[in-house]
Amino acid sequence: MATVEHPRIRPGTLEDRVYQAEIARAAIDHNTLVVLPTGLGKTSIALRVIAESLLRRPTESILFLAPTRPLVVQHARSVAKTLFAPEPLVLTGAIPPERRAHLMHPPQVVVATPQVVANDLAEGQFPLDTFSLLVLDEAHRAVGDYPYVAIGRANRTGPKARILAMTASPGGSLARIREVWANLAIERFEYRTDQSPDVLPYVHGIGVETVTVPVPPEVRHLAILLRAAVERQVQTLRSLDLLAGAEGNRRTLIDLGARLHRQISVERNASGSGNGILWKAVTAQAAAMKGLHALELIESQGVDALREYFLRQVPGEGGRWTPALRAFLGDPDVEEVRRRLGELTVEHPKIATAVDVVRRELSGNPGARVIVFSQYRDTVDRLVAELEKSGGEVRPARFVGQATHGRDLGLSQREQVGILDQFRRGERNCLVATSVAEEGLDIPATDLVVFYEPIPDVIRTIQRRGRTGRARTGRAVVLVADGTRDVSLHRAAHARERRMHEMLERVQAEVGRGAAPPPPEPKRVQRILTEFD
């Protein structure tokens, strides 16, 4: 295997791949957006660009940004292992602001979360003008009010450091990539797929399987009752002329809720109180959303997940019963669901199916690594408990974010990093994770990724799947509950990913002709409801 030879790169640490060299050459002299499938070395490209920047501008610093603390630690380790440079400085929220300012002494490589940098910039405490290169990992986040946007704006109006932006999936719409392009002042676009000629020799391949799980009649009946409860609230909104007959899905209810709350603010500012009919609508919308969440849990997660949800809904001593909560829990069909949950002994078969898929993989290949993804921590906890019962060949670990909500404990940065180290060493061979493990984590030996549920978001789908197929051929298994929302979400994920690649090919062709994507279109202002009969 040929390795990169460079005065600032330690010998034998980076494989010399042609496509990485070509992308790095472009990024050294132009603000560049790199879109490359997960596992094909975006970090290696960043290290090559950082090395050349250190060589050309030895008195200036480098800023390497990543959205999560574990990813920051990972990148800092890569820099220390690969480059001839001072020990990288790691900046996260764990370091108080007054200490951060005293730790920066150019020239150095600073690896940080964007939240820390954006906050310090806002306070005038971050010396952005001392940096010659900004590397932004997971650059698809550079939209809306994410800190990458503020950092990009400060760089455009200030030092104009070179920008290297990297992602596996910039999003499924042209509007989103235009926004990223404009916010980061991108000049060049480097896009590869796993079928690109210069990439193909390095692709190990990922086999994607869909496992359809039958839903027991007892579980289906709970779903029918919850749909009826949601429909009752939707009918209330229709009677107020807020929804058309065919509307009432999650998206329209979310949009309606936003409009209703804006209208509440307008009326409060005007009269100091709200409209009675308006509050009736707000209550119905919130109760419908609670019902939809409960429906999703019973269809795609499990009976225990729904039980936990209802337990959290009931206010404790001194807690507040909101009108929406009373409307939801007081619905006769919801009351029947809660009664049946108290008697139900059957669990959603997805739990057993997921455990079986993992157990078979690790029984047949004891050295394998597996990641199981779930949207919800309750499901993560249940899966860990069931996997621990399945035999000594499965050694699971719970991997979630840092936030703690009551009894639902998060993991500190130190705990997250420690679990990942155990996973790499094989002390734990199965991570059961929420979305915190979707982005960027360098776990090259993962053989199997299990989607406990399909997700419609194209970026997250690609990120999850990309946890495997890095060092060798991998496998992804998607569990789909038959006859539920899972089916349409799985279908939508495929369609959106196909459209994303078509869009990226179109952008690549435009940029190849010398035309950058036009700036983002102005956001449409939604109409505020002003009439209630």
Protein backbone atom coordinates (compact mmCIF):
# COMPACT_ATOMS: atom_id res chain seq x y z
CA MET A 1 0.00 0.00 0.00
CA ALA A 2 1.46 3.35 -1.06
CA THR A 3 1.40 6.03 1.62
CA VAL A 4 1.46 9.82 1.47
CA GLU A 5 4.88 11.47 1.55
CA HIS A 6 4.79 15.02 2.86
CA PRO A 7 7.08 17.02 5.17
CA ARG A 8 4.24 17.53 7.65
CA ILE A 9 2.75 13.99 7.49
CA ARG A 10 4.23 11.17 9.54
CA PRO A 11 5.52 8.41 7.23
CA GLY A 12 3.22 5.43 6.76
CA THR A 13 0.15 7.00 8.41
CA LEU A 14 -2.00 7.94 5.37
CA GLU A 15 -2.83 5.70 2.42
CA ASP A 16 -2.17 7.49 -0.85
CA ARG A 17 -5.44 7.45 -2.80
CA VAL A 18 -5.67 9.29 -6.14
CA TYR A 19 -9.12 10.78 -5.60
CA GLN A 20 -8.15 12.08 -2.14
CA ALA A 21 -5.03 13.72 -3.60
CA GLU A 22 -7.05 15.40 -6.38
CA ILE A 23 -9.68 16.71 -3.97
CA ALA A 24 -7.01 17.96 -1.55
CA ARG A 25 -5.21 19.84 -4.36
CA ALA A 26 -8.43 21.65 -5.24
CA ALA A 27 -9.19 22.47 -1.60
CA ILE A 28 -5.78 23.99 -0.89
CA ASP A 29 -6.44 26.93 -3.21
CA HIS A 30 -10.25 27.25 -3.23
CA ASN A 31 -13.10 27.18 -0.72
CA THR A 32 -14.31 23.66 -1.43
CA LEU A 33 -17.38 21.58 -0.61
CA VAL A 34 -16.53 17.86 -0.58
CA VAL A 35 -19.37 15.35 -0.87
CA LEU A 36 -17.99 11.85 -0.44
CA PRO A 37 -19.63 8.63 0.79
CA THR A 38 -19.01 7.78 4.42
CA GLY A 39 -15.92 5.63 4.96
CA LEU A 40 -13.98 6.90 1.95
CA GLY A 41 -11.66 9.22 3.82
CA LYS A 42 -12.98 12.74 4.23
CA THR A 43 -10.77 13.03 7.33
CA SER A 44 -7.76 11.89 5.30
CA ILE A 45 -8.44 14.66 2.78
CA ALA A 46 -8.69 17.17 5.64
CA LEU A 47 -5.36 15.99 7.07
CA ARG A 48 -3.66 16.41 3.68
CA VAL A 49 -5.02 19.95 3.34
CA ILE A 50 -4.06 20.82 6.93
CA ALA A 51 -0.53 19.49 6.34
CA GLU A 52 -0.07 21.66 3.24
CA SER A 53 -1.50 24.69 5.02
CA LEU A 54 0.93 24.20 7.91
CA LEU A 55 3.76 24.01 5.38
CA ARG A 56 2.73 27.11 3.43
CA ARG A 57 1.64 29.27 6.40
CA PRO A 58 3.71 28.06 9.38
CA THR A 59 2.87 31.10 11.54
CA GLU A 60 -0.93 30.73 11.28
CA SER A 61 -3.36 28.36 12.99
CA ILE A 62 -5.84 25.79 11.69
CA LEU A 63 -9.41 25.41 12.96
CA PHE A 64 -11.03 21.96 12.64
CA LEU A 65 -14.74 21.98 13.55
CA ALA A 66 -17.01 19.01 14.25
CA PRO A 67 -20.55 19.00 15.68
CA THR A 68 -20.14 16.60 18.63
CA ARG A 69 -17.63 16.17 21.42
CA PRO A 70 -16.77 12.54 20.61
CA LEU A 71 -16.09 13.56 17.02
CA VAL A 72 -13.90 16.46 18.16
CA VAL A 73 -11.85 14.08 20.32
CA GLN A 74 -11.60 11.65 17.40
CA HIS A 75 -10.33 14.32 15.01
CA ALA A 76 -7.82 15.59 17.57
CA ARG A 77 -6.43 12.07 17.89
CA SER A 78 -6.14 11.80 14.09
CA VAL A 79 -4.25 15.09 13.88
CA ALA A 80 -1.85 14.07 16.68
CA LYS A 81 -1.27 10.64 15.15
CA THR A 82 -0.80 11.79 11.55
CA LEU A 83 0.81 15.24 11.47
CA PHE A 84 4.09 16.73 12.54
CA ALA A 85 2.50 19.58 14.49
CA PRO A 86 2.10 20.76 18.08
CA GLU A 87 -0.38 18.75 20.16
CA PRO A 88 -3.83 19.87 18.95
CA LEU A 89 -5.89 22.03 21.28
CA VAL A 90 -9.36 20.60 21.98
CA LEU A 91 -12.05 23.20 22.75
CA THR A 92 -15.52 22.09 23.88
CA GLY A 93 -18.15 23.43 26.22
CA ALA A 94 -16.46 21.52 29.04
CA ILE A 95 -13.78 24.25 29.12
CA PRO A 96 -14.98 27.55 30.66
CA PRO A 97 -14.89 30.57 28.29
CA GLU A 98 -12.36 32.47 30.42
CA ARG A 99 -9.91 29.55 30.13
CA ARG A 100 -10.43 29.02 26.39
CA ALA A 101 -9.08 32.44 25.45
CA HIS A 102 -5.83 31.82 27.38
CA LEU A 103 -5.24 28.43 25.73
CA MET A 104 -4.86 29.76 22.18
CA HIS A 105 -1.30 30.55 21.17
CA PRO A 106 -0.74 30.58 17.38
CA PRO A 107 0.40 28.69 15.50
CA GLN A 108 -1.60 25.61 16.48
CA VAL A 109 -4.30 23.21 15.32
CA VAL A 110 -7.51 23.88 17.24
CA VAL A 111 -10.20 21.17 17.15
CA ALA A 112 -13.52 22.45 18.46
CA THR A 113 -17.28 22.26 18.45
CA PRO A 114 -18.90 25.05 16.40
CA GLN A 115 -21.09 26.06 19.35
CA VAL A 116 -18.02 27.06 21.37
CA VAL A 117 -16.46 29.04 18.53
CA ALA A 118 -19.72 30.81 17.60
CA ASN A 119 -20.35 31.78 21.24
CA ASP A 120 -16.83 33.12 21.68
CA LEU A 121 -17.08 35.02 18.38
CA ALA A 122 -20.29 36.65 19.58
CA GLU A 123 -18.49 37.76 22.75
CA GLY A 124 -15.47 39.00 20.79
CA GLN A 125 -13.30 36.36 22.45
CA PHE A 126 -12.24 34.22 19.48
CA PRO A 127 -9.22 35.29 17.37
CA LEU A 128 -10.53 34.16 13.98
CA ASP A 129 -8.01 36.36 12.16
CA THR A 130 -5.17 34.08 13.34
CA PHE A 131 -6.50 31.11 11.33
CA SER A 132 -5.61 30.42 7.70
CA LEU A 133 -7.82 27.33 7.24
CA LEU A 134 -11.25 26.36 8.56
CA VAL A 135 -12.25 22.70 8.20
CA LEU A 136 -15.97 22.05 8.73
CA ASP A 137 -16.98 18.43 9.19
CA GLU A 138 -20.65 17.46 8.62
CA ALA A 139 -20.99 20.67 6.60
CA HIS A 140 -24.61 19.92 5.66
CA ARG A 141 -25.43 21.56 8.99
CA ALA A 142 -24.44 25.00 7.64
CA VAL A 143 -28.07 26.12 7.25
CA GLY A 144 -30.62 28.03 9.32
CA ASP A 145 -29.22 29.20 12.65
CA TYR A 146 -26.65 26.44 13.14
CA PRO A 147 -23.31 27.88 14.44
CA TYR A 148 -21.53 27.06 11.16
CA VAL A 149 -23.58 29.86 9.58
CA ALA A 150 -22.36 32.49 12.05
CA ILE A 151 -18.76 31.27 11.70
CA GLY A 152 -19.02 31.39 7.91
CA ARG A 153 -20.43 34.92 8.07
CA ALA A 154 -17.64 36.09 10.39
CA ASN A 155 -15.04 34.59 8.07
CA ARG A 156 -16.53 36.23 4.96
CA THR A 157 -16.51 39.67 6.58
CA GLY A 158 -13.18 39.17 8.35
CA PRO A 159 -10.07 37.12 7.64
CA LYS A 160 -11.45 35.13 4.67
CA ALA A 161 -9.58 32.00 5.70
CA ARG A 162 -9.66 29.07 3.29
CA ILE A 163 -12.68 26.79 3.91
CA LEU A 164 -12.81 23.03 3.48
CA ALA A 165 -16.39 21.81 4.03
CA MET A 166 -17.06 18.06 4.13
CA THR A 167 -20.18 15.90 4.21
CA ALA A 168 -21.49 12.54 3.05
CA SER A 169 -24.93 13.96 2.29
CA PRO A 170 -25.67 17.67 1.83
CA GLY A 171 -29.45 17.15 1.77
CA GLY A 172 -32.19 16.23 -0.61
CA SER A 173 -32.99 19.63 -2.10
CA LEU A 174 -31.25 22.14 -4.33
CA ALA A 175 -32.36 24.90 -1.94
CA ARG A 176 -30.39 23.32 0.89
CA ILE A 177 -27.15 22.94 -1.06
CA ARG A 178 -27.52 26.53 -2.29
CA GLU A 179 -27.82 27.65 1.32
CA VAL A 180 -24.70 25.72 2.37
CA TRP A 181 -22.87 27.08 -0.67
CA ALA A 182 -23.75 30.69 0.11
CA ASN A 183 -23.20 30.49 3.88
CA LEU A 184 -19.69 29.09 3.48
CA ALA A 185 -18.66 31.10 0.38
CA ILE A 186 -17.91 27.88 -1.53
CA GLU A 187 -16.01 28.14 -4.82
CA ARG A 188 -15.35 24.52 -5.80
CA PHE A 189 -17.48 21.37 -5.65
CA GLU A 190 -15.90 17.93 -5.35
CA TYR A 191 -18.54 15.20 -5.55
CA ARG A 192 -17.93 11.46 -5.72
CA THR A 193 -20.19 8.43 -5.36
CA ASP A 194 -19.18 4.86 -4.61
CA GLN A 195 -19.48 4.28 -8.38
CA SER A 196 -17.07 7.04 -9.42
CA PRO A 197 -14.18 5.47 -11.40
CA ASP A 198 -11.46 6.82 -9.11
CA VAL A 199 -13.34 5.72 -5.97
CA LEU A 200 -14.55 2.29 -7.09
CA PRO A 201 -11.27 0.41 -6.32
CA TYR A 202 -11.60 1.37 -2.63
CA VAL A 203 -15.28 0.52 -2.13
CA HIS A 204 -15.99 -2.56 -0.03
CA GLY A 205 -19.73 -2.51 -0.57
CA ILE A 206 -22.78 -2.57 1.68
CA GLY A 207 -25.56 -5.10 1.31
CA VAL A 208 -28.89 -3.56 2.34
CA GLU A 209 -31.65 -5.91 3.50
CA THR A 210 -35.23 -5.14 4.47
CA VAL A 211 -36.78 -7.39 7.11
CA THR A 212 -40.57 -7.08 7.29
CA VAL A 213 -41.89 -7.81 10.78
CA PRO A 214 -45.54 -8.87 11.24
CA VAL A 215 -47.49 -6.91 13.83
CA PRO A 216 -49.56 -8.96 16.32
CA PRO A 217 -53.37 -8.38 16.37
CA GLU A 218 -53.18 -7.04 19.95
CA VAL A 219 -50.71 -4.37 18.89
CA ARG A 220 -52.67 -3.53 15.74
CA HIS A 221 -55.79 -2.98 17.84
CA LEU A 222 -53.99 -0.46 20.05
CA ALA A 223 -52.94 1.37 16.88
CA ILE A 224 -56.55 1.44 15.65
CA LEU A 225 -57.70 2.99 18.94
CA LEU A 226 -54.97 5.63 18.82
CA ARG A 227 -55.83 6.54 15.21
CA ALA A 228 -59.44 7.07 16.30
CA ALA A 229 -58.26 9.36 19.12
CA VAL A 230 -56.15 11.41 16.70
CA GLU A 231 -59.03 11.62 14.22
CA ARG A 232 -61.31 12.98 16.96
CA GLN A 233 -58.96 15.94 17.50
CA VAL A 234 -58.50 16.44 13.76
CA GLN A 235 -62.28 16.63 13.35
CA THR A 236 -62.31 19.45 15.91
CA LEU A 237 -59.78 21.35 13.81
CA ARG A 238 -61.81 20.72 10.66
CA SER A 239 -64.92 22.06 12.38
CA LEU A 240 -62.95 25.28 12.98
CA ASP A 241 -62.07 25.41 9.26
CA LEU A 242 -58.37 25.01 10.06
CA LEU A 243 -57.85 21.77 8.15
CA ALA A 244 -59.30 20.55 4.87
CA GLY A 245 -60.95 17.14 4.69
CA ALA A 246 -57.89 15.35 3.30
CA GLU A 247 -55.45 16.97 5.76
CA GLY A 248 -54.53 15.84 9.25
CA ASN A 249 -51.13 14.20 8.86
CA ARG A 250 -48.08 14.98 10.98
CA ARG A 251 -46.68 17.63 8.63
CA THR A 252 -49.89 19.64 8.33
CA LEU A 253 -50.46 19.46 12.09
CA ILE A 254 -46.93 20.71 12.82
CA ASP A 255 -47.37 23.61 10.38
CA LEU A 256 -50.79 24.41 11.88
CA GLY A 257 -49.32 24.41 15.40
CA ALA A 258 -46.65 26.92 14.40
CA ARG A 259 -49.25 29.22 12.84
CA LEU A 260 -51.54 28.98 15.87
CA HIS A 261 -48.77 29.91 18.29
CA ARG A 262 -47.76 32.88 16.14
CA GLN A 263 -51.36 34.02 16.21
CA ILE A 264 -51.45 33.69 20.01
CA SER A 265 -48.43 36.02 20.20
CA VAL A 266 -50.14 38.53 17.89
CA GLU A 267 -53.35 38.58 19.96
CA ARG A 268 -51.51 38.79 23.29
CA ASN A 269 -49.51 41.76 22.06
CA ALA A 270 -52.70 43.42 20.81
CA SER A 271 -55.08 42.76 23.71
CA GLY A 272 -53.18 40.99 26.44
CA SER A 273 -55.32 37.87 26.14
CA GLY A 274 -56.08 35.08 23.69
CA ASN A 275 -59.13 34.14 21.64
CA GLY A 276 -61.18 31.31 23.22
CA ILE A 277 -61.62 29.53 19.90
CA LEU A 278 -57.92 29.92 19.21
CA TRP A 279 -57.10 28.15 22.48
CA LYS A 280 -59.55 25.38 21.59
CA ALA A 281 -57.64 24.88 18.34
CA VAL A 282 -54.28 24.88 20.11
CA THR A 283 -55.53 22.23 22.54
CA ALA A 284 -56.84 20.00 19.75
CA GLN A 285 -53.63 20.32 17.73
CA ALA A 286 -51.40 19.48 20.71
CA ALA A 287 -53.58 16.51 21.71
CA ALA A 288 -53.48 15.21 18.12
CA MET A 289 -49.67 15.43 18.10
CA LYS A 290 -49.50 13.46 21.36
CA GLY A 291 -51.73 10.83 19.79
CA LEU A 292 -49.57 10.62 16.67
CA HIS A 293 -46.47 10.16 18.80
CA ALA A 294 -48.15 7.37 20.75
CA LEU A 295 -49.22 5.77 17.46
CA GLU A 296 -45.65 5.87 16.15
CA LEU A 297 -44.38 4.24 19.34
CA ILE A 298 -46.80 1.32 19.26
CA GLU A 299 -46.34 0.71 15.53
CA SER A 300 -42.58 1.08 15.17
CA GLN A 301 -41.05 0.78 18.67
CA GLY A 302 -42.91 -1.54 21.01
CA VAL A 303 -45.38 -2.01 23.82
CA ASP A 304 -42.91 -1.09 26.56
CA ALA A 305 -41.98 2.14 24.74
CA LEU A 306 -45.66 3.16 24.72
CA ARG A 307 -46.04 2.25 28.41
CA GLU A 308 -43.07 4.46 29.28
CA TYR A 309 -44.52 7.30 27.24
CA PHE A 310 -47.81 7.19 29.11
CA LEU A 311 -46.00 7.05 32.46
CA ARG A 312 -44.14 10.25 31.55
CA GLN A 313 -47.34 11.96 30.43
CA VAL A 314 -49.04 11.72 33.82
CA PRO A 315 -47.88 14.70 35.93
CA GLY A 316 -46.29 13.89 39.25
CA GLU A 317 -47.32 15.42 42.54
CA GLY A 318 -47.77 19.14 42.01
CA GLY A 319 -47.42 18.72 38.24
CA ARG A 320 -49.57 20.63 35.79
CA TRP A 321 -52.39 19.10 33.79
CA THR A 322 -52.47 21.18 30.61
CA PRO A 323 -55.68 21.32 28.55
CA ALA A 324 -53.98 19.32 25.78
CA LEU A 325 -52.89 16.63 28.24
CA ARG A 326 -56.42 16.39 29.66
CA ALA A 327 -57.85 16.16 26.13
CA PHE A 328 -55.37 13.44 25.17
CA LEU A 329 -55.46 11.23 28.28
CA GLY A 330 -59.20 11.82 28.74
CA ASP A 331 -60.07 10.57 25.26
CA PRO A 332 -62.12 7.34 25.60
CA ASP A 333 -59.96 5.48 23.08
CA VAL A 334 -56.75 6.55 24.81
CA GLU A 335 -58.22 5.44 28.13
CA GLU A 336 -58.93 2.05 26.55
CA VAL A 337 -55.38 1.83 25.23
CA ARG A 338 -53.99 2.48 28.71
CA ARG A 339 -56.31 -0.15 30.21
CA ARG A 340 -55.25 -2.75 27.63
CA LEU A 341 -51.57 -1.93 28.15
CA GLY A 342 -51.98 -2.90 31.78
CA GLU A 343 -53.15 -6.38 30.73
CA LEU A 344 -51.00 -6.95 27.62
CA THR A 345 -48.26 -9.55 27.86
CA VAL A 346 -47.20 -9.60 24.20
CA GLU A 347 -44.34 -7.36 23.00
CA HIS A 348 -43.79 -5.96 19.52
CA PRO A 349 -41.84 -8.65 17.60
CA LYS A 350 -39.35 -6.06 16.36
CA ILE A 351 -37.52 -6.43 19.68
CA ALA A 352 -37.02 -10.18 19.23
CA THR A 353 -36.18 -9.73 15.53
CA ALA A 354 -33.48 -7.15 16.25
CA VAL A 355 -31.95 -9.33 18.96
CA ASP A 356 -31.99 -12.36 16.64
CA VAL A 357 -30.29 -10.45 13.78
CA VAL A 358 -27.52 -9.27 16.12
CA ARG A 359 -27.08 -12.66 17.81
CA ARG A 360 -26.81 -14.49 14.47
CA GLU A 361 -24.18 -12.04 13.21
CA LEU A 362 -22.01 -12.34 16.31
CA SER A 363 -22.48 -16.10 16.68
CA GLY A 364 -21.33 -16.65 13.11
CA ASN A 365 -18.54 -14.07 13.32
CA PRO A 366 -17.33 -13.59 16.91
CA GLY A 367 -14.91 -10.83 15.88
CA ALA A 368 -17.63 -8.73 14.26
CA ARG A 369 -18.89 -5.31 15.40
CA VAL A 370 -22.55 -4.30 15.25
CA ILE A 371 -24.41 -1.00 15.68
CA VAL A 372 -28.17 -0.96 16.28
CA PHE A 373 -29.82 2.43 15.75
CA SER A 374 -33.11 3.50 17.30
CA GLN A 375 -34.87 6.84 17.43
CA TYR A 376 -35.81 6.50 21.09
CA ARG A 377 -33.85 5.96 24.29
CA ASP A 378 -36.60 3.77 25.76
CA THR A 379 -36.07 1.35 22.88
CA VAL A 380 -32.29 1.57 23.28
CA ASP A 381 -32.62 0.59 26.94
CA ARG A 382 -34.97 -2.30 26.17
CA LEU A 383 -32.71 -3.61 23.40
CA VAL A 384 -29.63 -3.49 25.64
CA ALA A 385 -31.51 -5.42 28.34
CA GLU A 386 -32.66 -8.08 25.85
CA LEU A 387 -29.26 -8.38 24.18
CA GLU A 388 -27.61 -8.92 27.56
CA LYS A 389 -29.90 -11.94 28.02
CA SER A 390 -29.08 -13.41 24.62
CA GLY A 391 -25.78 -15.05 25.53
CA GLY A 392 -22.15 -14.25 26.16
CA GLU A 393 -21.32 -13.71 22.49
CA VAL A 394 -23.22 -10.38 22.56
CA ARG A 395 -21.63 -7.66 24.68
CA PRO A 396 -23.87 -4.59 24.19
CA ALA A 397 -23.33 -1.00 25.26
CA ARG A 398 -25.83 1.84 25.45
CA PHE A 399 -24.64 4.86 23.44
CA VAL A 400 -26.75 8.01 23.78
CA GLY A 401 -26.29 11.77 23.99
CA GLN A 402 -25.33 13.86 27.00
CA ALA A 403 -28.73 15.25 27.97
CA THR A 404 -30.38 13.79 31.08
CA HIS A 405 -34.17 13.89 31.48
CA GLY A 406 -35.30 12.66 34.88
CA ARG A 407 -34.53 8.94 35.13
CA ASP A 408 -33.28 8.95 31.53
CA LEU A 409 -29.56 9.44 32.08
CA GLY A 410 -27.29 10.79 29.37
CA LEU A 411 -23.62 9.95 28.86
CA SER A 412 -20.84 12.41 29.56
CA GLN A 413 -18.20 13.13 26.93
CA ARG A 414 -15.73 10.97 28.85
CA GLU A 415 -18.23 8.10 29.00
CA GLN A 416 -18.98 8.35 25.28
CA VAL A 417 -15.30 8.28 24.33
CA GLY A 418 -14.69 5.38 26.73
CA ILE A 419 -17.50 3.29 25.21
CA LEU A 420 -16.18 3.91 21.69
CA ASP A 421 -12.71 2.81 22.79
CA GLN A 422 -14.20 -0.38 24.28
CA PHE A 423 -16.05 -0.97 21.00
CA ARG A 424 -12.87 -0.60 18.95
CA ARG A 425 -10.99 -2.99 21.23
CA GLY A 426 -13.81 -5.56 21.14
CA GLU A 427 -14.63 -5.38 24.85
CA ARG A 428 -18.08 -4.32 23.62
CA ASN A 429 -19.13 -5.68 20.25
CA CYS A 430 -22.59 -4.13 19.89
CA LEU A 431 -23.47 -0.47 20.25
CA VAL A 432 -27.17 0.28 20.72
CA ALA A 433 -27.34 3.94 19.82
CA THR A 434 -29.52 6.94 19.14
CA SER A 435 -28.69 9.54 16.49
CA VAL A 436 -25.54 10.60 18.39
CA ALA A 437 -23.67 7.74 16.65
CA GLU A 438 -24.87 8.65 13.15
CA GLU A 439 -22.34 11.32 12.27
CA GLY A 440 -18.66 10.94 11.61
CA LEU A 441 -17.57 8.40 14.18
CA ASP A 442 -14.58 6.49 12.87
CA ILE A 443 -15.41 2.88 13.65
CA PRO A 444 -13.87 1.09 10.66
CA ALA A 445 -14.53 -2.48 11.76
CA THR A 446 -18.36 -2.33 11.92
CA ASP A 447 -19.78 -5.29 10.03
CA LEU A 448 -23.51 -4.81 10.56
CA VAL A 449 -25.80 -1.83 11.06
CA VAL A 450 -29.39 -2.45 12.12
CA PHE A 451 -32.05 0.23 11.61
CA TYR A 452 -34.66 -0.52 14.27
CA GLU A 453 -36.94 1.72 12.24
CA PRO A 454 -36.61 3.38 8.81
CA ILE A 455 -36.16 7.14 8.82
CA PRO A 456 -37.26 9.53 6.06
CA ASP A 457 -34.36 11.96 6.44
CA VAL A 458 -31.92 11.27 3.60
CA ILE A 459 -28.90 12.66 5.47
CA ARG A 460 -29.50 10.51 8.53
CA THR A 461 -30.22 7.42 6.42
CA ILE A 462 -26.88 7.77 4.63
CA GLN A 463 -25.04 8.52 7.88
CA ARG A 464 -26.45 5.44 9.61
CA ARG A 465 -25.72 3.14 6.71
CA GLY A 466 -22.23 4.57 6.34
CA ARG A 467 -21.18 3.23 9.73
CA THR A 468 -20.50 -0.08 7.95
CA GLY A 469 -18.67 -1.15 4.77
CA ARG A 470 -15.52 0.81 5.62
CA ALA A 471 -12.69 -1.65 6.14
CA ARG A 472 -14.51 -4.57 4.51
CA THR A 473 -17.87 -5.49 2.99
CA GLY A 474 -20.68 -4.58 5.37
CA ARG A 475 -24.36 -5.19 5.82
CA ALA A 476 -27.29 -2.97 6.75
CA VAL A 477 -30.62 -4.41 7.92
CA VAL A 478 -33.75 -2.25 8.08
CA LEU A 479 -36.64 -3.51 10.22
CA VAL A 480 -40.06 -2.56 8.85
CA ALA A 481 -43.27 -3.22 10.78
CA ASP A 482 -45.78 -4.56 8.26
CA GLY A 483 -48.79 -2.37 7.47
CA THR A 484 -47.51 0.64 9.47
CA ARG A 485 -45.93 4.03 8.88
CA ASP A 486 -42.59 2.19 8.63
CA VAL A 487 -43.51 1.02 5.12
CA SER A 488 -44.07 4.51 3.69
CA LEU A 489 -41.02 5.93 5.50
CA HIS A 490 -38.81 3.21 4.04
CA ARG A 491 -40.14 3.88 0.54
CA ALA A 492 -39.69 7.64 0.99
CA ALA A 493 -36.07 7.22 2.13
CA HIS A 494 -35.17 5.40 -1.10
CA ALA A 495 -36.90 8.00 -3.27
CA ARG A 496 -35.28 10.95 -1.49
CA GLU A 497 -31.81 9.46 -1.73
CA ARG A 498 -32.26 8.88 -5.46
CA ARG A 499 -33.41 12.50 -5.94
CA MET A 500 -30.46 13.76 -3.88
CA HIS A 501 -27.93 12.06 -6.16
CA GLU A 502 -29.73 13.37 -9.26
CA MET A 503 -29.59 16.87 -7.80
CA LEU A 504 -25.88 16.58 -6.94
CA GLU A 505 -25.06 15.40 -10.45
CA ARG A 506 -26.90 18.45 -11.79
CA VAL A 507 -24.97 20.79 -9.46
CA GLN A 508 -21.71 19.13 -10.43
CA ALA A 509 -22.50 19.69 -14.12
CA GLU A 510 -23.35 23.37 -13.47
CA VAL A 511 -20.15 23.96 -11.51
CA GLY A 512 -18.16 22.12 -14.19
CA ARG A 513 -19.43 24.67 -16.70
CA GLY A 514 -18.19 27.44 -14.42
CA ALA A 515 -21.55 28.34 -12.91
CA ALA A 516 -21.89 28.22 -9.12
CA PRO A 517 -25.32 27.36 -7.73
CA PRO A 518 -27.40 30.54 -7.44
CA PRO A 519 -27.91 32.00 -3.96
CA PRO A 520 -30.69 30.65 -1.74
CA GLU A 521 -34.20 31.78 -2.52
CA PRO A 522 -35.72 34.06 0.15
CA LYS A 523 -37.71 32.10 2.72
CA ARG A 524 -41.45 32.31 2.28
CA VAL A 525 -43.32 33.93 5.13
CA GLN A 526 -46.21 31.71 6.16
CA ARG A 527 -49.62 33.31 6.39
CA ILE A 528 -50.71 34.03 9.97
CA LEU A 529 -54.25 33.03 10.84
CA THR A 530 -56.31 36.09 11.63
CA GLU A 531 -59.92 34.95 11.62
CA PHE A 532 -61.73 32.66 14.02
CA ASP A 533 -65.53 32.52 13.79
